[in-house]
Amino acid sequence: MSPKNLQDVLDQAGSTVDLLRNSQLGAYIYPVVPAEFTNFRREVIAWRRTAVLFDQTHHMVNLFITGPDALRLLSDTGINSVAKFPVDSAKQFVPVSPEGGVIGDGILFRLGEEELVFVGRAPVANWLTFRATQGYDVELKLDQRSPSRPYGKPVTRDLWRFQIQGPNAWPVIEKVHGGPVEQVRFFRMGHLNVAGEKVRTLRHGMAGAPGLELWGPYETYDKVREAILEAGQEFGLEAAGARAYSCNTLESGWIPSPLPAVYTGEEMRAYREWLPAEGYEATNALAGSFVSDRIEDYYLNPWELGYGSFVKYDHDFVGARRWRRSTRRPSAAR
């Protein structure tokens, strides 16, 4: 019988470790964006010495969360505190399982009092979507990553998403805008004028220099991209391909994709029965030199990923009981 959900897949496989280590998924490749526009070396050097335009449009999901319980859903689900989370700011969001294993992470943008968007990989978006069914007055809208859309149809998204980064990023930004742009605090949001479009921005920074992440309606993708590239020519701006983009994430210490800690535990059974049989969690791949028969040995807790400072006990969240009574950092999630 064909499996109907993730739990069926696991039951039929017998060994979750064997299932994931024998996945046919292959190495991860950033979708749609070319590997190189000029060449890898030139694009990486530009990120460190001049400026680059990163295209983040295609490889992450956008999960829009609106309604009176939007903030409560996120507070109940994430290790992060939302006690100080003003409108027009963002934070790295990390949910964990009831046993304390990290499910994933991403960036959470607060666009309005009852309007937020999570930007990141599928496991967190899936978990939030499931959690939202547990008595929260919210509406969700998923803007699916480009490779997960129907095959054979033109690539489209609700939003495009770019980053202008590097030592010369701010001169590029101000030329694009047509005048001075306030350097607001890190992870605070604002607006930018680009080719007649008013787009949203997030104060970011890589390579030790201030930069911006910016986004807007997908139908303005070409116009905005061309305007940025044209404005950046005199400052050495390069369009960065997928190879250079993946290089900068490693150098900056970003955690690419921890195994979501969802494959075990009776409290997570309902979630596994809700997840599809062909989804991310069922087709994910394990690799590397570490091999164990126990899938739990692949789980990681926030401290092991350097996210321990995010854990705040000013709210009750899924997984809080794992550490609340302990005065020391856990050595493992298992």
Protein backbone atom coordinates (compact mmCIF):
# COMPACT_ATOMS: atom_id res chain seq x y z
CA MET A 1 0.00 0.00 0.00
CA SER A 2 1.33 3.42 -0.90
CA PRO A 3 2.17 5.56 2.13
CA LYS A 4 -0.27 8.38 2.83
CA ASN A 5 1.91 10.47 5.14
CA LEU A 6 5.37 10.71 6.69
CA GLN A 7 4.50 8.29 9.50
CA ASP A 8 3.53 5.65 6.93
CA VAL A 9 6.83 6.24 5.11
CA LEU A 10 8.80 5.72 8.33
CA ASP A 11 6.81 2.64 9.31
CA GLN A 12 7.35 1.02 5.93
CA ALA A 13 11.07 1.92 5.84
CA GLY A 14 11.81 0.38 9.23
CA SER A 15 15.01 2.40 9.68
CA THR A 16 14.73 6.17 9.41
CA VAL A 17 18.51 6.48 9.18
CA ASP A 18 18.66 4.08 6.22
CA LEU A 19 15.75 5.87 4.56
CA LEU A 20 17.44 9.26 4.70
CA ARG A 21 20.99 8.10 4.02
CA ASN A 22 19.74 6.35 0.86
CA SER A 23 17.68 9.31 -0.31
CA GLN A 24 17.99 10.08 -4.03
CA LEU A 25 17.73 13.82 -3.37
CA GLY A 26 21.38 14.50 -4.17
CA ALA A 27 23.49 17.53 -3.29
CA TYR A 28 21.61 20.75 -2.66
CA ILE A 29 21.78 23.26 -5.53
CA TYR A 30 20.41 26.78 -5.22
CA PRO A 31 17.59 26.86 -7.78
CA VAL A 32 16.96 29.05 -10.84
CA VAL A 33 19.89 31.44 -10.21
CA PRO A 34 22.89 30.52 -12.43
CA ALA A 35 25.93 29.00 -10.74
CA GLU A 36 28.06 31.88 -12.05
CA PHE A 37 27.38 35.14 -13.87
CA THR A 38 31.05 35.90 -14.55
CA ASN A 39 33.05 33.40 -12.52
CA PHE A 40 33.13 32.16 -8.97
CA ARG A 41 36.41 33.83 -8.01
CA ARG A 42 35.42 37.25 -9.33
CA GLU A 43 32.05 37.14 -7.56
CA VAL A 44 33.51 36.05 -4.21
CA ILE A 45 36.21 38.74 -4.40
CA ALA A 46 33.53 41.35 -5.13
CA TRP A 47 31.61 40.32 -2.03
CA ARG A 48 34.72 40.90 0.07
CA ARG A 49 36.17 43.98 -1.70
CA THR A 50 33.46 45.88 -3.61
CA ALA A 51 29.78 44.86 -3.70
CA VAL A 52 27.48 42.09 -4.87
CA LEU A 53 23.82 41.58 -5.67
CA PHE A 54 22.58 38.31 -4.15
CA ASP A 55 19.35 36.87 -5.57
CA GLN A 56 17.40 35.12 -2.79
CA THR A 57 14.13 34.99 -4.71
CA HIS A 58 13.82 31.29 -5.40
CA HIS A 59 15.21 29.01 -2.69
CA MET A 60 13.17 29.99 0.40
CA VAL A 61 9.49 29.84 1.27
CA ASN A 62 7.51 32.86 2.41
CA LEU A 63 4.85 32.00 4.97
CA PHE A 64 2.56 34.98 5.60
CA ILE A 65 0.85 34.88 9.00
CA THR A 66 -1.94 37.34 9.80
CA GLY A 67 -4.62 37.65 12.46
CA PRO A 68 -5.14 38.37 16.17
CA ASP A 69 -3.18 35.26 17.27
CA ALA A 70 -0.25 35.63 14.87
CA LEU A 71 2.22 36.70 17.55
CA ARG A 72 0.88 34.15 20.05
CA LEU A 73 1.42 31.34 17.55
CA LEU A 74 5.06 32.35 17.14
CA SER A 75 5.60 32.85 20.87
CA ASP A 76 4.17 29.41 21.65
CA THR A 77 6.27 27.77 18.94
CA GLY A 78 9.68 29.45 19.05
CA ILE A 79 12.46 29.58 21.63
CA ASN A 80 12.71 33.33 20.96
CA SER A 81 11.05 35.95 23.11
CA VAL A 82 8.60 38.28 21.37
CA ALA A 83 8.22 40.57 24.36
CA LYS A 84 10.32 43.12 22.47
CA PHE A 85 9.47 42.65 18.82
CA PRO A 86 8.35 45.99 17.36
CA VAL A 87 6.71 46.42 13.98
CA ASP A 88 9.29 46.95 11.20
CA SER A 89 11.88 44.67 12.79
CA ALA A 90 13.04 41.10 12.24
CA LYS A 91 14.64 38.27 14.19
CA GLN A 92 16.05 34.84 13.59
CA PHE A 93 13.32 32.39 14.57
CA VAL A 94 14.04 28.89 15.95
CA PRO A 95 11.38 26.31 16.90
CA VAL A 96 12.18 23.03 18.64
CA SER A 97 10.38 19.75 19.20
CA PRO A 98 8.88 18.78 22.58
CA GLU A 99 12.16 16.94 23.27
CA GLY A 100 14.23 20.04 22.49
CA GLY A 101 15.67 19.18 19.07
CA VAL A 102 15.86 22.03 16.57
CA ILE A 103 13.30 21.78 13.75
CA GLY A 104 14.91 24.52 11.68
CA ASP A 105 15.39 28.25 11.57
CA GLY A 106 14.74 31.29 9.39
CA ILE A 107 13.99 34.98 9.55
CA LEU A 108 10.76 36.34 10.97
CA PHE A 109 9.65 39.79 9.78
CA ARG A 110 7.04 41.77 11.71
CA LEU A 111 5.30 43.82 9.03
CA GLY A 112 2.38 45.03 11.18
CA GLU A 113 0.70 44.47 14.53
CA GLU A 114 -1.05 41.35 13.24
CA GLU A 115 1.02 40.73 10.11
CA LEU A 116 4.24 38.69 9.98
CA VAL A 117 6.11 36.64 7.44
CA PHE A 118 8.51 33.75 8.00
CA VAL A 119 11.24 33.40 5.35
CA GLY A 120 13.31 30.23 5.32
CA ARG A 121 13.29 26.52 4.65
CA ALA A 122 10.31 24.18 4.47
CA PRO A 123 10.54 22.38 7.87
CA VAL A 124 9.74 25.50 9.91
CA ALA A 125 6.98 26.63 7.54
CA ASN A 126 5.44 23.15 7.73
CA TRP A 127 5.61 23.09 11.53
CA LEU A 128 4.04 26.56 11.83
CA THR A 129 1.28 25.57 9.41
CA PHE A 130 0.46 22.50 11.49
CA ARG A 131 0.64 24.40 14.76
CA ALA A 132 -1.75 27.02 13.39
CA THR A 133 -4.46 24.34 13.27
CA GLN A 134 -4.28 23.96 17.05
CA GLY A 135 -6.74 26.70 18.03
CA TYR A 136 -5.16 29.92 16.72
CA ASP A 137 -7.12 32.72 15.06
CA VAL A 138 -4.75 33.23 12.14
CA GLU A 139 -4.72 33.08 8.37
CA LEU A 140 -1.74 31.62 6.52
CA LYS A 141 -0.58 32.07 2.95
CA LEU A 142 2.33 30.06 1.59
CA ASP A 143 4.47 31.51 -1.20
CA GLN A 144 6.20 28.26 -2.14
CA ARG A 145 9.86 28.12 -3.21
CA SER A 146 10.33 27.99 -6.96
CA PRO A 147 11.42 24.30 -7.33
CA SER A 148 8.33 23.17 -5.38
CA ARG A 149 5.90 24.77 -7.83
CA PRO A 150 4.17 22.83 -10.64
CA TYR A 151 6.69 21.48 -13.14
CA GLY A 152 6.62 22.96 -16.63
CA LYS A 153 5.02 26.27 -15.68
CA PRO A 154 6.84 29.64 -15.75
CA VAL A 155 8.70 30.45 -12.54
CA THR A 156 6.83 33.01 -10.46
CA ARG A 157 6.66 34.06 -6.83
CA ASP A 158 4.65 36.52 -4.79
CA LEU A 159 7.87 38.39 -4.00
CA TRP A 160 11.39 38.82 -5.30
CA ARG A 161 14.11 39.14 -2.66
CA PHE A 162 17.60 40.60 -3.17
CA GLN A 163 20.56 41.56 -1.00
CA ILE A 164 23.09 44.32 -1.72
CA GLN A 165 26.20 43.45 0.27
CA GLY A 166 29.91 44.29 0.49
CA PRO A 167 32.13 47.24 1.42
CA ASN A 168 30.64 49.40 -1.37
CA ALA A 169 27.05 48.35 -0.72
CA TRP A 170 25.91 51.63 0.83
CA PRO A 171 27.10 53.88 -2.03
CA VAL A 172 25.21 51.57 -4.40
CA ILE A 173 22.10 51.75 -2.22
CA GLU A 174 22.16 55.55 -2.08
CA LYS A 175 22.68 55.87 -5.84
CA VAL A 176 19.75 53.52 -6.46
CA HIS A 177 17.61 55.50 -4.01
CA GLY A 178 18.60 58.86 -5.45
CA GLY A 179 19.91 60.32 -2.20
CA PRO A 180 21.00 59.54 1.37
CA VAL A 181 19.51 56.50 3.09
CA GLU A 182 19.37 56.26 6.88
CA GLN A 183 21.43 53.40 8.29
CA VAL A 184 18.86 52.09 10.75
CA ARG A 185 19.83 49.54 13.39
CA PHE A 186 20.65 45.95 12.43
CA PHE A 187 17.54 43.91 11.59
CA ARG A 188 15.32 46.99 11.45
CA MET A 189 13.17 47.63 8.40
CA GLY A 190 12.61 50.61 6.15
CA HIS A 191 11.87 51.56 2.54
CA LEU A 192 13.93 52.24 -0.57
CA ASN A 193 13.05 53.81 -3.91
CA VAL A 194 14.24 51.70 -6.86
CA ALA A 195 13.33 52.51 -10.45
CA GLY A 196 10.13 54.23 -9.36
CA GLU A 197 9.15 51.41 -6.99
CA LYS A 198 8.94 51.82 -3.20
CA VAL A 199 10.24 48.54 -1.78
CA ARG A 200 10.68 47.19 1.75
CA THR A 201 14.15 46.79 3.23
CA LEU A 202 15.91 45.05 6.10
CA ARG A 203 19.16 46.46 7.47
CA HIS A 204 21.65 43.64 7.08
CA GLY A 205 25.40 43.36 6.80
CA MET A 206 28.00 40.92 5.54
CA ALA A 207 31.75 41.20 5.00
CA GLY A 208 31.87 43.64 7.93
CA ALA A 209 29.91 46.35 6.09
CA PRO A 210 26.31 47.60 6.21
CA GLY A 211 23.97 46.34 3.51
CA LEU A 212 20.30 45.82 2.79
CA GLU A 213 17.94 42.99 2.02
CA LEU A 214 15.06 44.24 -0.09
CA TRP A 215 11.89 42.77 -1.51
CA GLY A 216 8.85 43.64 -3.57
CA PRO A 217 6.19 42.28 -5.96
CA TYR A 218 7.56 39.65 -8.31
CA GLU A 219 6.27 41.44 -11.39
CA THR A 220 8.85 44.20 -10.77
CA TYR A 221 11.76 41.71 -10.55
CA ASP A 222 13.47 42.58 -13.85
CA LYS A 223 13.07 46.34 -13.52
CA VAL A 224 14.49 46.46 -9.99
CA ARG A 225 17.35 44.05 -10.69
CA GLU A 226 18.46 45.96 -13.78
CA ALA A 227 18.35 49.29 -11.94
CA ILE A 228 20.55 47.96 -9.13
CA LEU A 229 23.10 46.44 -11.51
CA GLU A 230 23.29 49.65 -13.53
CA ALA A 231 23.72 51.82 -10.43
CA GLY A 232 26.41 49.53 -9.08
CA GLN A 233 28.70 49.49 -12.10
CA GLU A 234 30.91 52.36 -10.92
CA PHE A 235 31.29 50.73 -7.49
CA GLY A 236 32.36 47.29 -8.77
CA LEU A 237 29.01 45.60 -8.08
CA GLU A 238 28.77 42.05 -9.39
CA ALA A 239 25.73 39.83 -9.75
CA ALA A 240 26.57 36.82 -7.55
CA GLY A 241 25.67 33.33 -8.69
CA ALA A 242 24.66 30.34 -6.60
CA ARG A 243 28.25 29.18 -5.99
CA ALA A 244 29.36 32.50 -4.53
CA TYR A 245 26.17 32.78 -2.49
CA SER A 246 26.71 29.41 -0.83
CA CYS A 247 30.32 30.34 -0.09
CA ASN A 248 29.41 33.46 1.85
CA THR A 249 26.94 31.61 4.06
CA LEU A 250 29.65 29.19 5.18
CA GLU A 251 32.12 31.98 5.87
CA SER A 252 29.59 33.91 7.94
CA GLY A 253 28.73 30.83 10.02
CA TRP A 254 25.12 30.41 8.89
CA ILE A 255 23.72 26.94 9.68
CA PRO A 256 22.52 25.61 6.31
CA SER A 257 20.04 22.90 7.25
CA PRO A 258 19.99 20.92 10.51
CA LEU A 259 18.02 17.70 10.38
CA PRO A 260 14.50 18.56 11.63
CA ALA A 261 13.92 16.74 14.92
CA VAL A 262 10.49 15.40 13.97
CA TYR A 263 11.04 11.71 13.22
CA THR A 264 10.57 10.37 16.75
CA GLY A 265 8.49 10.98 19.86
CA GLU A 266 4.85 10.15 20.49
CA GLU A 267 3.98 13.83 20.89
CA MET A 268 5.09 14.40 17.29
CA ARG A 269 3.10 11.48 15.84
CA ALA A 270 0.11 13.62 14.90
CA TYR A 271 2.45 15.95 13.04
CA ARG A 272 4.10 13.08 11.17
CA GLU A 273 0.64 11.82 10.21
CA TRP A 274 -0.18 15.32 8.92
CA LEU A 275 2.99 15.68 6.82
CA PRO A 276 2.79 14.34 3.24
CA ALA A 277 4.52 11.16 2.08
CA GLU A 278 6.46 13.03 -0.61
CA GLY A 279 7.36 16.16 1.33
CA TYR A 280 10.67 17.61 2.49
CA GLU A 281 10.86 15.51 5.65
CA ALA A 282 10.24 12.25 3.76
CA THR A 283 12.78 12.89 0.99
CA ASN A 284 15.46 14.69 3.01
CA ALA A 285 18.99 13.29 2.87
CA LEU A 286 21.56 12.46 5.54
CA ALA A 287 25.23 12.58 4.62
CA GLY A 288 28.64 12.89 6.22
CA SER A 289 31.09 10.67 8.04
CA PHE A 290 29.03 10.31 11.22
CA VAL A 291 26.85 7.21 11.13
CA SER A 292 24.50 5.98 13.85
CA ASP A 293 21.57 3.57 13.89
CA ARG A 294 19.55 6.08 15.96
CA ILE A 295 18.01 9.02 14.13
CA GLU A 296 17.97 10.89 17.45
CA ASP A 297 21.77 11.03 17.33
CA TYR A 298 21.48 13.38 14.36
CA TYR A 299 19.28 15.89 16.20
CA LEU A 300 20.83 19.13 17.47
CA ASN A 301 19.75 21.48 20.23
CA PRO A 302 20.05 25.30 20.13
CA TRP A 303 23.30 25.35 22.12
CA GLU A 304 24.99 22.96 19.72
CA LEU A 305 24.12 25.32 16.85
CA GLY A 306 25.18 28.47 18.67
CA TYR A 307 21.57 29.52 19.23
CA GLY A 308 21.58 29.13 23.00
CA SER A 309 21.33 32.89 23.56
CA PHE A 310 17.97 32.86 21.75
CA VAL A 311 16.37 30.66 24.42
CA LYS A 312 14.22 32.84 26.68
CA TYR A 313 12.01 31.56 29.47
CA ASP A 314 9.76 34.62 29.65
CA HIS A 315 7.22 32.59 27.68
CA ASP A 316 6.07 28.98 27.50
CA PHE A 317 7.01 27.33 24.21
CA VAL A 318 7.07 23.84 22.76
CA GLY A 319 10.21 22.20 24.16
CA ALA A 320 10.67 24.63 27.09
CA ARG A 321 10.15 21.94 29.69
CA ARG A 322 13.27 20.18 28.37
CA TRP A 323 15.54 22.79 29.93
CA ARG A 324 13.46 25.05 32.19
CA ARG A 325 14.47 23.26 35.39
CA SER A 326 18.11 22.97 34.41
CA THR A 327 20.68 25.61 35.32
CA ARG A 328 23.23 24.30 32.83
CA ARG A 329 23.34 24.05 29.08
CA PRO A 330 22.18 20.68 27.77
CA SER A 331 24.90 18.64 26.13
CA ALA A 332 22.47 17.24 23.59
CA ALA A 333 18.83 17.34 22.58
CA ARG A 334 18.42 13.63 23.07
